[in-house]
Amino acid sequence: MSLRIADSIFWIAVACCTLAQLAIVQSVIVSPARAPEHAPASATRRVVEIAWAILPGVALAVVLVFTWRAIHATHLTGPVLTGMMR
């Protein structure tokens, strides 16, 4: 696969993941989870809820960085041929 195609697919995936993560965070901020009626709502619970919405996005960003490096490392070194000569 050419580097241009790989880059295009990668950036489309990044855009889709970013839009999805923003939608998740927005939904958590706009409509928080409802606590049972007898339990008081606390600011700490709200912060934890938002943190749990952001944490997967941070993990995904790390995965995308490693993916970007792997794509470009493969194209810099070329394909590995096992036991075959060109």
Protein backbone atom coordinates (compact mmCIF):
# COMPACT_ATOMS: atom_id res chain seq x y z
CA MET A 1 0.00 0.00 0.00
CA SER A 2 1.38 3.40 -0.87
CA LEU A 3 2.18 5.91 1.86
CA ARG A 4 -0.40 8.38 0.51
CA ILE A 5 -3.21 5.83 0.77
CA ALA A 6 -2.10 4.73 4.24
CA ASP A 7 -1.94 8.37 5.38
CA SER A 8 -5.39 9.08 3.95
CA ILE A 9 -6.95 6.09 5.69
CA PHE A 10 -5.17 6.99 8.93
CA TRP A 11 -6.39 10.60 8.93
CA ILE A 12 -9.95 9.55 8.08
CA ALA A 13 -9.83 7.17 11.06
CA VAL A 14 -8.45 9.97 13.27
CA ALA A 15 -11.27 12.29 12.20
CA CYS A 16 -13.92 9.63 12.89
CA CYS A 17 -12.45 8.79 16.30
CA THR A 18 -12.20 12.48 17.21
CA LEU A 19 -15.82 13.16 16.26
CA ALA A 20 -17.01 10.12 18.20
CA GLN A 21 -14.99 11.06 21.29
CA LEU A 22 -16.25 14.64 21.19
CA ALA A 23 -19.83 13.36 20.96
CA ILE A 24 -19.25 11.11 23.99
CA VAL A 25 -17.76 13.93 26.06
CA GLN A 26 -20.53 16.32 25.01
CA SER A 27 -23.22 13.82 25.98
CA VAL A 28 -21.61 13.32 29.40
CA ILE A 29 -21.38 17.07 30.00
CA VAL A 30 -24.86 17.93 28.70
CA SER A 31 -26.83 15.10 30.27
CA PRO A 32 -25.13 13.63 33.34
CA ALA A 33 -26.11 10.24 34.69
CA ARG A 34 -28.99 10.41 37.12
CA ALA A 35 -28.29 9.50 40.69
CA PRO A 36 -30.89 7.68 42.74
CA GLU A 37 -33.35 10.08 44.34
CA HIS A 38 -32.15 9.38 47.87
CA ALA A 39 -28.45 9.98 47.02
CA PRO A 40 -27.23 13.57 46.91
CA ALA A 41 -25.48 14.69 43.71
CA SER A 42 -21.88 15.60 44.34
CA ALA A 43 -19.31 17.53 42.38
CA THR A 44 -16.81 14.71 42.89
CA ARG A 45 -19.11 12.23 41.19
CA ARG A 46 -19.51 14.61 38.26
CA VAL A 47 -15.74 15.02 37.87
CA VAL A 48 -15.24 11.24 37.96
CA GLU A 49 -17.94 10.77 35.32
CA ILE A 50 -16.27 13.29 33.01
CA ALA A 51 -12.83 11.75 33.64
CA TRP A 52 -14.15 8.30 32.66
CA ALA A 53 -15.44 9.82 29.42
CA ILE A 54 -12.09 11.49 28.63
CA LEU A 55 -9.79 8.60 29.63
CA PRO A 56 -10.61 6.37 26.60
CA GLY A 57 -9.90 9.33 24.31
CA VAL A 58 -6.44 9.75 25.84
CA ALA A 59 -5.77 6.02 25.45
CA LEU A 60 -6.96 6.19 21.83
CA ALA A 61 -4.63 9.14 21.16
CA VAL A 62 -1.69 7.05 22.42
CA VAL A 63 -2.69 4.18 20.14
CA LEU A 64 -2.97 6.55 17.17
CA VAL A 65 0.52 7.95 17.84
CA PHE A 66 2.00 4.43 17.87
CA THR A 67 0.03 3.59 14.71
CA TRP A 68 1.38 6.69 12.96
CA ARG A 69 4.93 5.72 13.91
CA ALA A 70 4.39 2.15 12.71
CA ILE A 71 3.02 3.30 9.35
CA HIS A 72 5.98 5.56 8.72
CA ALA A 73 8.58 3.15 10.09
CA THR A 74 7.34 0.48 7.68
CA HIS A 75 7.59 2.83 4.72
CA LEU A 76 11.05 4.09 5.73
CA THR A 77 12.56 0.62 6.05
CA GLY A 78 10.54 -1.03 3.30
CA PRO A 79 8.77 -4.37 3.41
CA VAL A 80 10.51 -7.21 5.12
CA LEU A 81 11.02 -10.16 2.82
CA THR A 82 11.67 -13.45 4.54
CA GLY A 83 13.81 -15.75 2.46
CA MET A 84 13.07 -13.97 -0.83
CA MET A 85 15.34 -11.91 -3.02
CA ARG A 86 14.05 -9.10 -5.21
